[in-house]
Amino acid sequence: MKLSIVVPTLGRKKELAELLESLAQLPQEYIEVIIVDQNAIGFLDDVLAKTSIDQLQHCHVHFTGAARARNWGFRFTTGDVVNFCDDDANVVPELYTIVKTVFANDKALGMATFKVVDPVFNLPCMVSFANTNCTVSRDNFNTITIEFAQFWRRSVFEKLHGYDETLGIGVYYGADEGQDIVIRAIEQSIKMEYFNQILFFHPQKYEAPIKRYYQYARGTGRVLYLHGNKLYVVKKQCIFLVKSFVGFFIYMLWRPNTSLRYGARFSGFIVGFFNSIFGRYLVKD
């Protein structure tokens, strides 16, 4: 099995260098790495010059947007299985062996996803993740997987037409492209499995700017617009909205910053949903 790893990157040198160092520990004859560089020309020259990865392609682009960059990088992949790694993550040395095994053991498997933890606190990162292996389903799609921990069988990713480029970091609707593609896969009865093994380390951004919560939540609101005809999606998004609303008032008196983050989530969700209805902010660079 050949594994392709696409890495969109913008504004990071140290983190990318550490990721490439961890990828260099994988069996080089079976992996390829595609860097989709959204920086100024020459920004990454010193980082890329030091890598020992054998099969590495450097694609410089003149646009921003993580989802669009992933789709762009996919054009250059040749692997049987494809992953779209964040540029500030690190991988474990056993990654290739584990991924190869799960796909070899299940020919019907369309996507495998794994646990991500914060390297400092050793806690689940971004979502809660399950403590046992399980099938990705309507009941858990929003709590056990994030986009850079997903490994897609090439034919399945092509069938799904990649990520929705109106979603994700770098565009107005700033998150949840991973949820969107998983929902579309569920609707097409594609088999997806979660494995309770740590393959990625990624820092948890506990003190992210309030603006970022607002931008991310606009993407969550757009996912409701895109999939509002599916009851299980409406249920999950309503829980997100209610938790944001309640959290804003609960923390208002003694944890004002936390309150503001919940308020940003609530307002971002509403704005993202209604701007999607009116077709705003969809133009790509």
C-alpha atoms as a PDB file:
ATOM      1  CA  MET A   1       0.000   0.000   0.000  1.00  0.00           C
ATOM      2  CA  LYS A   2       1.198   3.471  -0.872  1.00  0.00           C
ATOM      3  CA  LEU A   3       0.193   6.335   1.421  1.00  0.00           C
ATOM      4  CA  SER A   4      -0.072   9.933   0.232  1.00  0.00           C
ATOM      5  CA  ILE A   5       0.056  12.711   2.826  1.00  0.00           C
ATOM      6  CA  VAL A   6      -1.072  16.178   1.724  1.00  0.00           C
ATOM      7  CA  VAL A   7      -0.008  19.073   3.962  1.00  0.00           C
ATOM      8  CA  PRO A   8      -1.495  22.536   3.376  1.00  0.00           C
ATOM      9  CA  THR A   9       0.664  25.140   5.101  1.00  0.00           C
ATOM     10  CA  LEU A  10       0.573  28.850   5.793  1.00  0.00           C
ATOM     11  CA  GLY A  11       2.717  30.945   8.114  1.00  0.00           C
ATOM     12  CA  ARG A  12       4.439  28.082   9.929  1.00  0.00           C
ATOM     13  CA  LYS A  13       8.094  27.055   9.681  1.00  0.00           C
ATOM     14  CA  LYS A  14       9.047  25.518  13.015  1.00  0.00           C
ATOM     15  CA  GLU A  15       5.858  23.453  13.227  1.00  0.00           C
ATOM     16  CA  LEU A  16       6.167  22.254   9.635  1.00  0.00           C
ATOM     17  CA  ALA A  17       9.815  21.308  10.178  1.00  0.00           C
ATOM     18  CA  GLU A  18       8.787  19.190  13.178  1.00  0.00           C
ATOM     19  CA  LEU A  19       6.019  17.517  11.190  1.00  0.00           C
ATOM     20  CA  LEU A  20       8.393  16.670   8.343  1.00  0.00           C
ATOM     21  CA  GLU A  21      10.864  15.253  10.839  1.00  0.00           C
ATOM     22  CA  SER A  22       8.170  12.939  12.192  1.00  0.00           C
ATOM     23  CA  LEU A  23       7.085  11.929   8.670  1.00  0.00           C
ATOM     24  CA  ALA A  24      10.704  11.088   7.840  1.00  0.00           C
ATOM     25  CA  GLN A  25      10.451   8.262  10.413  1.00  0.00           C
ATOM     26  CA  LEU A  26       7.891   6.448   8.257  1.00  0.00           C
ATOM     27  CA  PRO A  27       8.943   3.815   5.670  1.00  0.00           C
ATOM     28  CA  GLN A  28      10.048   6.083   2.856  1.00  0.00           C
ATOM     29  CA  GLU A  29       9.489   3.592   0.038  1.00  0.00           C
ATOM     30  CA  TYR A  30       5.743   3.535   0.801  1.00  0.00           C
ATOM     31  CA  ILE A  31       4.876   7.185   1.429  1.00  0.00           C
ATOM     32  CA  GLU A  32       4.790  10.437  -0.505  1.00  0.00           C
ATOM     33  CA  VAL A  33       4.298  13.930   0.922  1.00  0.00           C
ATOM     34  CA  ILE A  34       2.742  16.807  -0.989  1.00  0.00           C
ATOM     35  CA  ILE A  35       3.292  20.255   0.506  1.00  0.00           C
ATOM     36  CA  VAL A  36       0.700  22.809  -0.630  1.00  0.00           C
ATOM     37  CA  ASP A  37       2.504  26.058   0.116  1.00  0.00           C
ATOM     38  CA  GLN A  38       0.286  29.138   0.549  1.00  0.00           C
ATOM     39  CA  ASN A  39       3.127  31.369   1.726  1.00  0.00           C
ATOM     40  CA  ALA A  40       5.190  33.949  -0.124  1.00  0.00           C
ATOM     41  CA  ILE A  41       7.636  32.401  -2.574  1.00  0.00           C
ATOM     42  CA  GLY A  42      10.810  31.315  -0.755  1.00  0.00           C
ATOM     43  CA  PHE A  43       9.290  31.309   2.736  1.00  0.00           C
ATOM     44  CA  LEU A  44       9.775  27.542   3.169  1.00  0.00           C
ATOM     45  CA  ASP A  45      13.035  27.104   1.262  1.00  0.00           C
ATOM     46  CA  ASP A  46      15.202  26.509   4.321  1.00  0.00           C
ATOM     47  CA  VAL A  47      12.688  24.101   5.885  1.00  0.00           C
ATOM     48  CA  LEU A  48      12.307  21.998   2.748  1.00  0.00           C
ATOM     49  CA  ALA A  49      16.048  21.944   2.109  1.00  0.00           C
ATOM     50  CA  LYS A  50      16.615  20.126   5.401  1.00  0.00           C
ATOM     51  CA  THR A  51      14.006  17.375   5.068  1.00  0.00           C
ATOM     52  CA  SER A  52      15.084  13.779   4.495  1.00  0.00           C
ATOM     53  CA  ILE A  53      11.758  12.662   3.013  1.00  0.00           C
ATOM     54  CA  ASP A  54      12.461  10.811  -0.223  1.00  0.00           C
ATOM     55  CA  GLN A  55       9.239  11.463  -2.143  1.00  0.00           C
ATOM     56  CA  LEU A  56       8.263  15.068  -1.514  1.00  0.00           C
ATOM     57  CA  GLN A  57       6.484  17.447  -3.867  1.00  0.00           C
ATOM     58  CA  HIS A  58       6.351  21.169  -3.194  1.00  0.00           C
ATOM     59  CA  CYS A  59       3.347  22.893  -4.782  1.00  0.00           C
ATOM     60  CA  HIS A  60       3.235  26.655  -4.424  1.00  0.00           C
ATOM     61  CA  VAL A  61      -0.230  28.187  -4.829  1.00  0.00           C
ATOM     62  CA  HIS A  62      -1.575  31.738  -4.897  1.00  0.00           C
ATOM     63  CA  PHE A  63      -4.696  31.218  -2.811  1.00  0.00           C
ATOM     64  CA  THR A  64      -5.565  30.533   0.813  1.00  0.00           C
ATOM     65  CA  GLY A  65      -8.023  28.074   2.272  1.00  0.00           C
ATOM     66  CA  ALA A  66      -7.245  24.696   3.815  1.00  0.00           C
ATOM     67  CA  ALA A  67     -10.017  22.762   2.056  1.00  0.00           C
ATOM     68  CA  ARG A  68      -9.099  24.152  -1.334  1.00  0.00           C
ATOM     69  CA  ALA A  69      -5.431  23.366  -0.670  1.00  0.00           C
ATOM     70  CA  ARG A  70      -6.255  19.770   0.248  1.00  0.00           C
ATOM     71  CA  ASN A  71      -8.228  19.287  -2.932  1.00  0.00           C
ATOM     72  CA  TRP A  72      -5.432  20.888  -4.943  1.00  0.00           C
ATOM     73  CA  GLY A  73      -2.800  18.658  -3.383  1.00  0.00           C
ATOM     74  CA  PHE A  74      -4.907  15.567  -4.024  1.00  0.00           C
ATOM     75  CA  ARG A  75      -4.381  16.091  -7.767  1.00  0.00           C
ATOM     76  CA  PHE A  76      -0.711  15.195  -7.342  1.00  0.00           C
ATOM     77  CA  THR A  77      -1.158  12.119  -5.159  1.00  0.00           C
ATOM     78  CA  THR A  78      -0.580   8.584  -6.400  1.00  0.00           C
ATOM     79  CA  GLY A  79      -1.238   6.630  -3.207  1.00  0.00           C
ATOM     80  CA  ASP A  80      -3.917   4.030  -2.537  1.00  0.00           C
ATOM     81  CA  VAL A  81      -4.826   5.863   0.691  1.00  0.00           C
ATOM     82  CA  VAL A  82      -4.684   9.613   1.275  1.00  0.00           C
ATOM     83  CA  ASN A  83      -4.383  11.699   4.444  1.00  0.00           C
ATOM     84  CA  PHE A  84      -4.581  15.496   4.752  1.00  0.00           C
ATOM     85  CA  CYS A  85      -2.372  16.390   7.698  1.00  0.00           C
ATOM     86  CA  ASP A  86      -2.286  19.715   9.547  1.00  0.00           C
ATOM     87  CA  ASP A  87       1.026  21.553   9.359  1.00  0.00           C
ATOM     88  CA  ASP A  88       1.269  21.823  13.168  1.00  0.00           C
ATOM     89  CA  ALA A  89       0.695  18.141  13.908  1.00  0.00           C
ATOM     90  CA  ASN A  90       3.178  15.307  14.479  1.00  0.00           C
ATOM     91  CA  VAL A  91       2.771  11.617  13.712  1.00  0.00           C
ATOM     92  CA  VAL A  92       3.847   8.450  15.477  1.00  0.00           C
ATOM     93  CA  PRO A  93       6.487   6.207  13.830  1.00  0.00           C
ATOM     94  CA  GLU A  94       4.001   3.311  13.632  1.00  0.00           C
ATOM     95  CA  LEU A  95       1.488   5.295  11.561  1.00  0.00           C
ATOM     96  CA  TYR A  96       2.122   3.585   8.224  1.00  0.00           C
ATOM     97  CA  THR A  97       2.038   0.060   9.632  1.00  0.00           C
ATOM     98  CA  ILE A  98      -1.200   0.692  11.521  1.00  0.00           C
ATOM     99  CA  VAL A  99      -2.965   2.315   8.574  1.00  0.00           C
ATOM    100  CA  LYS A 100      -1.826  -0.386   6.163  1.00  0.00           C
ATOM    101  CA  THR A 101      -3.102  -3.085   8.503  1.00  0.00           C
ATOM    102  CA  VAL A 102      -6.605  -1.676   8.965  1.00  0.00           C
ATOM    103  CA  PHE A 103      -7.124  -1.233   5.225  1.00  0.00           C
ATOM    104  CA  ALA A 104      -5.649  -4.638   4.392  1.00  0.00           C
ATOM    105  CA  ASN A 105      -7.934  -6.294   6.941  1.00  0.00           C
ATOM    106  CA  ASP A 106     -11.098  -4.694   5.560  1.00  0.00           C
ATOM    107  CA  LYS A 107     -11.377  -4.307   1.787  1.00  0.00           C
ATOM    108  CA  ALA A 108     -14.732  -2.527   2.178  1.00  0.00           C
ATOM    109  CA  LEU A 109     -13.280   0.185   4.420  1.00  0.00           C
ATOM    110  CA  GLY A 110     -13.619   3.616   2.824  1.00  0.00           C
ATOM    111  CA  MET A 111     -12.183   5.767   5.600  1.00  0.00           C
ATOM    112  CA  ALA A 112     -10.243   5.060   8.781  1.00  0.00           C
ATOM    113  CA  THR A 113      -9.879   7.678  11.497  1.00  0.00           C
ATOM    114  CA  PHE A 114      -7.775   7.758  14.649  1.00  0.00           C
ATOM    115  CA  LYS A 115      -7.290   9.557  17.939  1.00  0.00           C
ATOM    116  CA  VAL A 116      -5.483  12.883  18.266  1.00  0.00           C
ATOM    117  CA  VAL A 117      -4.022  14.067  21.576  1.00  0.00           C
ATOM    118  CA  ASP A 118      -2.348  17.199  22.836  1.00  0.00           C
ATOM    119  CA  PRO A 119       1.367  16.398  23.345  1.00  0.00           C
ATOM    120  CA  VAL A 120       1.680  18.489  26.519  1.00  0.00           C
ATOM    121  CA  PHE A 121      -1.455  17.490  28.440  1.00  0.00           C
ATOM    122  CA  ASN A 122      -1.921  14.057  26.797  1.00  0.00           C
ATOM    123  CA  LEU A 123      -5.650  14.771  26.448  1.00  0.00           C
ATOM    124  CA  PRO A 124      -7.938  14.357  23.425  1.00  0.00           C
ATOM    125  CA  CYS A 125      -7.580  17.292  21.076  1.00  0.00           C
ATOM    126  CA  MET A 126     -10.475  19.216  19.461  1.00  0.00           C
ATOM    127  CA  VAL A 127     -13.116  16.507  19.939  1.00  0.00           C
ATOM    128  CA  SER A 128     -13.707  13.982  22.710  1.00  0.00           C
ATOM    129  CA  PHE A 129     -12.957  10.757  20.749  1.00  0.00           C
ATOM    130  CA  ALA A 130     -14.262   7.366  21.840  1.00  0.00           C
ATOM    131  CA  ASN A 131     -12.313   5.051  24.124  1.00  0.00           C
ATOM    132  CA  THR A 132     -13.041   1.962  22.025  1.00  0.00           C
ATOM    133  CA  ASN A 133     -13.084   1.169  18.315  1.00  0.00           C
ATOM    134  CA  CYS A 134     -16.406   1.932  16.660  1.00  0.00           C
ATOM    135  CA  THR A 135     -18.114   2.635  13.356  1.00  0.00           C
ATOM    136  CA  VAL A 136     -18.511   6.263  12.321  1.00  0.00           C
ATOM    137  CA  SER A 137     -22.258   6.827  12.239  1.00  0.00           C
ATOM    138  CA  ARG A 138     -25.073   9.345  12.456  1.00  0.00           C
ATOM    139  CA  ASP A 139     -24.822   9.174  16.248  1.00  0.00           C
ATOM    140  CA  ASN A 140     -21.143  10.002  16.668  1.00  0.00           C
ATOM    141  CA  PHE A 141     -19.802  11.633  13.469  1.00  0.00           C
ATOM    142  CA  ASN A 142     -19.140  14.943  15.246  1.00  0.00           C
ATOM    143  CA  THR A 143     -17.282  13.544  18.276  1.00  0.00           C
ATOM    144  CA  ILE A 144     -14.816  10.939  16.997  1.00  0.00           C
ATOM    145  CA  THR A 145     -13.110  12.382  13.939  1.00  0.00           C
ATOM    146  CA  ILE A 146     -11.452  15.514  12.604  1.00  0.00           C
ATOM    147  CA  GLU A 147     -10.276  16.027   9.060  1.00  0.00           C
ATOM    148  CA  PHE A 148      -6.509  15.630   9.478  1.00  0.00           C
ATOM    149  CA  ALA A 149      -6.919  12.312  11.313  1.00  0.00           C
ATOM    150  CA  GLN A 150      -8.892  10.795   8.431  1.00  0.00           C
ATOM    151  CA  PHE A 151      -7.378   8.341   5.951  1.00  0.00           C
ATOM    152  CA  TRP A 152      -9.458   8.015   2.796  1.00  0.00           C
ATOM    153  CA  ARG A 153      -9.292   5.253   0.277  1.00  0.00           C
ATOM    154  CA  ARG A 154      -8.458   7.062  -2.939  1.00  0.00           C
ATOM    155  CA  SER A 155     -11.513   5.902  -4.879  1.00  0.00           C
ATOM    156  CA  VAL A 156     -13.826   6.981  -2.062  1.00  0.00           C
ATOM    157  CA  PHE A 157     -12.377  10.477  -1.826  1.00  0.00           C
ATOM    158  CA  GLU A 158     -12.804  10.844  -5.585  1.00  0.00           C
ATOM    159  CA  LYS A 159     -16.395   9.626  -5.348  1.00  0.00           C
ATOM    160  CA  LEU A 160     -17.125  12.292  -2.731  1.00  0.00           C
ATOM    161  CA  HIS A 161     -15.492  15.007  -4.889  1.00  0.00           C
ATOM    162  CA  GLY A 162     -13.221  16.069  -2.051  1.00  0.00           C
ATOM    163  CA  TYR A 163     -13.775  18.757   0.535  1.00  0.00           C
ATOM    164  CA  ASP A 164     -16.327  21.547   0.227  1.00  0.00           C
ATOM    165  CA  GLU A 165     -14.120  24.563  -0.488  1.00  0.00           C
ATOM    166  CA  THR A 166     -16.611  27.018   1.020  1.00  0.00           C
ATOM    167  CA  LEU A 167     -15.736  25.562   4.437  1.00  0.00           C
ATOM    168  CA  GLY A 168     -12.594  25.537   6.560  1.00  0.00           C
ATOM    169  CA  ILE A 169      -9.738  27.694   7.763  1.00  0.00           C
ATOM    170  CA  GLY A 170      -8.863  30.457   5.326  1.00  0.00           C
ATOM    171  CA  VAL A 171     -12.395  31.159   4.077  1.00  0.00           C
ATOM    172  CA  TYR A 172     -15.390  32.936   5.583  1.00  0.00           C
ATOM    173  CA  TYR A 173     -17.064  29.760   6.863  1.00  0.00           C
ATOM    174  CA  GLY A 174     -14.022  28.807   8.869  1.00  0.00           C
ATOM    175  CA  ALA A 175     -14.467  25.183   9.968  1.00  0.00           C
ATOM    176  CA  ASP A 176     -16.208  21.820   9.719  1.00  0.00           C
ATOM    177  CA  GLU A 177     -15.176  20.702   6.254  1.00  0.00           C
ATOM    178  CA  GLY A 178     -14.308  17.426   7.965  1.00  0.00           C
ATOM    179  CA  GLN A 179     -17.838  17.037   9.314  1.00  0.00           C
ATOM    180  CA  ASP A 180     -19.321  17.892   5.937  1.00  0.00           C
ATOM    181  CA  ILE A 181     -17.417  15.223   4.018  1.00  0.00           C
ATOM    182  CA  VAL A 182     -18.187  12.600   6.667  1.00  0.00           C
ATOM    183  CA  ILE A 183     -21.900  13.439   6.497  1.00  0.00           C
ATOM    184  CA  ARG A 184     -21.804  13.053   2.722  1.00  0.00           C
ATOM    185  CA  ALA A 185     -20.027   9.715   3.139  1.00  0.00           C
ATOM    186  CA  ILE A 186     -22.668   8.531   5.626  1.00  0.00           C
ATOM    187  CA  GLU A 187     -25.388   9.413   3.125  1.00  0.00           C
ATOM    188  CA  GLN A 188     -23.642   7.268   0.500  1.00  0.00           C
ATOM    189  CA  SER A 189     -23.294   4.329   2.933  1.00  0.00           C
ATOM    190  CA  ILE A 190     -19.507   4.435   2.836  1.00  0.00           C
ATOM    191  CA  LYS A 191     -17.952   2.318   5.560  1.00  0.00           C
ATOM    192  CA  MET A 192     -15.927   4.398   8.024  1.00  0.00           C
ATOM    193  CA  GLU A 193     -14.280   3.136  11.187  1.00  0.00           C
ATOM    194  CA  TYR A 194     -12.732   4.841  14.206  1.00  0.00           C
ATOM    195  CA  PHE A 195      -9.732   3.148  15.803  1.00  0.00           C
ATOM    196  CA  ASN A 196      -8.787   4.056  19.357  1.00  0.00           C
ATOM    197  CA  GLN A 197      -5.084   4.430  18.611  1.00  0.00           C
ATOM    198  CA  ILE A 198      -3.071   7.618  18.849  1.00  0.00           C
ATOM    199  CA  LEU A 199      -1.509   8.424  15.485  1.00  0.00           C
ATOM    200  CA  PHE A 200      -1.316  12.211  15.777  1.00  0.00           C
ATOM    201  CA  PHE A 201      -0.186  14.787  18.292  1.00  0.00           C
ATOM    202  CA  HIS A 202      -1.640  18.259  17.885  1.00  0.00           C
ATOM    203  CA  PRO A 203      -1.630  21.235  20.277  1.00  0.00           C
ATOM    204  CA  GLN A 204      -4.960  22.116  21.832  1.00  0.00           C
ATOM    205  CA  LYS A 205      -5.527  25.849  21.339  1.00  0.00           C
ATOM    206  CA  TYR A 206      -7.057  26.548  24.739  1.00  0.00           C
ATOM    207  CA  GLU A 207      -6.542  30.295  24.460  1.00  0.00           C
ATOM    208  CA  ALA A 208      -7.550  30.791  20.844  1.00  0.00           C
ATOM    209  CA  PRO A 209      -8.726  34.336  20.029  1.00  0.00           C
ATOM    210  CA  ILE A 210     -12.436  34.931  20.439  1.00  0.00           C
ATOM    211  CA  LYS A 211     -12.582  35.920  16.775  1.00  0.00           C
ATOM    212  CA  ARG A 212     -11.523  32.402  15.837  1.00  0.00           C
ATOM    213  CA  TYR A 213     -14.463  30.861  17.722  1.00  0.00           C
ATOM    214  CA  TYR A 214     -16.736  33.179  15.745  1.00  0.00           C
ATOM    215  CA  GLN A 215     -15.142  32.234  12.411  1.00  0.00           C
ATOM    216  CA  TYR A 216     -15.248  28.510  13.155  1.00  0.00           C
ATOM    217  CA  ALA A 217     -18.891  28.672  14.225  1.00  0.00           C
ATOM    218  CA  ARG A 218     -19.830  30.293  10.923  1.00  0.00           C
ATOM    219  CA  GLY A 219     -18.732  27.027   9.326  1.00  0.00           C
ATOM    220  CA  THR A 220     -20.889  25.048  11.768  1.00  0.00           C
ATOM    221  CA  GLY A 221     -23.853  27.198  10.803  1.00  0.00           C
ATOM    222  CA  ARG A 222     -23.178  26.555   7.135  1.00  0.00           C
ATOM    223  CA  VAL A 223     -23.097  22.794   7.735  1.00  0.00           C
ATOM    224  CA  LEU A 224     -26.633  23.088   9.129  1.00  0.00           C
ATOM    225  CA  TYR A 225     -27.647  24.940   5.976  1.00  0.00           C
ATOM    226  CA  LEU A 226     -26.029  22.325   3.727  1.00  0.00           C
ATOM    227  CA  HIS A 227     -27.493  19.328   5.586  1.00  0.00           C
ATOM    228  CA  GLY A 228     -30.584  20.749   7.266  1.00  0.00           C
ATOM    229  CA  ASN A 229     -32.746  18.099   5.621  1.00  0.00           C
ATOM    230  CA  LYS A 230     -31.105  15.407   7.752  1.00  0.00           C
ATOM    231  CA  LEU A 231     -32.605  15.046  11.207  1.00  0.00           C
ATOM    232  CA  TYR A 232     -29.442  13.669  12.820  1.00  0.00           C
ATOM    233  CA  VAL A 233     -27.461  16.714  11.624  1.00  0.00           C
ATOM    234  CA  VAL A 234     -30.134  19.140  12.858  1.00  0.00           C
ATOM    235  CA  LYS A 235     -30.063  17.445  16.258  1.00  0.00           C
ATOM    236  CA  LYS A 236     -26.259  17.754  16.605  1.00  0.00           C
ATOM    237  CA  GLN A 237     -26.227  21.378  15.435  1.00  0.00           C
ATOM    238  CA  CYS A 238     -29.060  22.354  17.774  1.00  0.00           C
ATOM    239  CA  ILE A 239     -27.144  20.861  20.709  1.00  0.00           C
ATOM    240  CA  PHE A 240     -24.136  22.986  19.684  1.00  0.00           C
ATOM    241  CA  LEU A 241     -26.325  26.078  19.511  1.00  0.00           C
ATOM    242  CA  VAL A 242     -28.040  25.488  22.863  1.00  0.00           C
ATOM    243  CA  LYS A 243     -24.732  24.768  24.632  1.00  0.00           C
ATOM    244  CA  SER A 244     -23.298  27.989  23.222  1.00  0.00           C
ATOM    245  CA  PHE A 245     -26.304  30.030  24.328  1.00  0.00           C
ATOM    246  CA  VAL A 246     -26.401  28.538  27.829  1.00  0.00           C
ATOM    247  CA  GLY A 247     -22.613  28.771  28.259  1.00  0.00           C
ATOM    248  CA  PHE A 248     -22.689  32.484  27.452  1.00  0.00           C
ATOM    249  CA  PHE A 249     -24.977  33.194  30.416  1.00  0.00           C
ATOM    250  CA  ILE A 250     -23.567  30.635  32.862  1.00  0.00           C
ATOM    251  CA  TYR A 251     -19.999  32.023  32.700  1.00  0.00           C
ATOM    252  CA  MET A 252     -20.914  35.681  32.339  1.00  0.00           C
ATOM    253  CA  LEU A 253     -20.295  36.713  35.954  1.00  0.00           C
ATOM    254  CA  TRP A 254     -17.096  34.907  36.965  1.00  0.00           C
ATOM    255  CA  ARG A 255     -15.412  33.780  33.718  1.00  0.00           C
ATOM    256  CA  PRO A 256     -16.091  36.568  31.229  1.00  0.00           C
ATOM    257  CA  ASN A 257     -13.603  35.343  28.606  1.00  0.00           C
ATOM    258  CA  THR A 258     -15.238  31.917  28.554  1.00  0.00           C
ATOM    259  CA  SER A 259     -18.628  33.590  28.322  1.00  0.00           C
ATOM    260  CA  LEU A 260     -17.470  35.625  25.338  1.00  0.00           C
ATOM    261  CA  ARG A 261     -16.203  32.497  23.578  1.00  0.00           C
ATOM    262  CA  TYR A 262     -19.601  30.854  23.957  1.00  0.00           C
ATOM    263  CA  GLY A 263     -21.247  34.053  22.761  1.00  0.00           C
ATOM    264  CA  ALA A 264     -18.957  34.123  19.734  1.00  0.00           C
ATOM    265  CA  ARG A 265     -19.898  30.533  18.932  1.00  0.00           C
ATOM    266  CA  PHE A 266     -23.596  31.319  19.172  1.00  0.00           C
ATOM    267  CA  SER A 267     -23.472  34.472  17.079  1.00  0.00           C
ATOM    268  CA  GLY A 268     -21.082  32.949  14.530  1.00  0.00           C
ATOM    269  CA  PHE A 269     -23.416  29.999  14.056  1.00  0.00           C
ATOM    270  CA  ILE A 270     -26.422  32.240  13.442  1.00  0.00           C
ATOM    271  CA  VAL A 271     -24.497  34.492  11.052  1.00  0.00           C
ATOM    272  CA  GLY A 272     -23.054  31.537   9.145  1.00  0.00           C
ATOM    273  CA  PHE A 273     -26.430  29.894   8.744  1.00  0.00           C
ATOM    274  CA  PHE A 274     -28.270  32.981   7.493  1.00  0.00           C
ATOM    275  CA  ASN A 275     -25.445  34.153   5.243  1.00  0.00           C
ATOM    276  CA  SER A 276     -25.521  30.684   3.683  1.00  0.00           C
ATOM    277  CA  ILE A 277     -29.243  31.056   3.056  1.00  0.00           C
ATOM    278  CA  PHE A 278     -28.617  34.297   1.210  1.00  0.00           C
ATOM    279  CA  GLY A 279     -25.610  32.889  -0.658  1.00  0.00           C
ATOM    280  CA  ARG A 280     -23.095  35.364   0.729  1.00  0.00           C
ATOM    281  CA  TYR A 281     -19.304  35.065   1.028  1.00  0.00           C
ATOM    282  CA  LEU A 282     -18.971  32.087  -1.288  1.00  0.00           C
ATOM    283  CA  VAL A 283     -16.644  33.653  -3.864  1.00  0.00           C
ATOM    284  CA  LYS A 284     -13.198  31.984  -3.964  1.00  0.00           C
ATOM    285  CA  ASP A 285      -9.996  33.857  -4.710  1.00  0.00           C
END
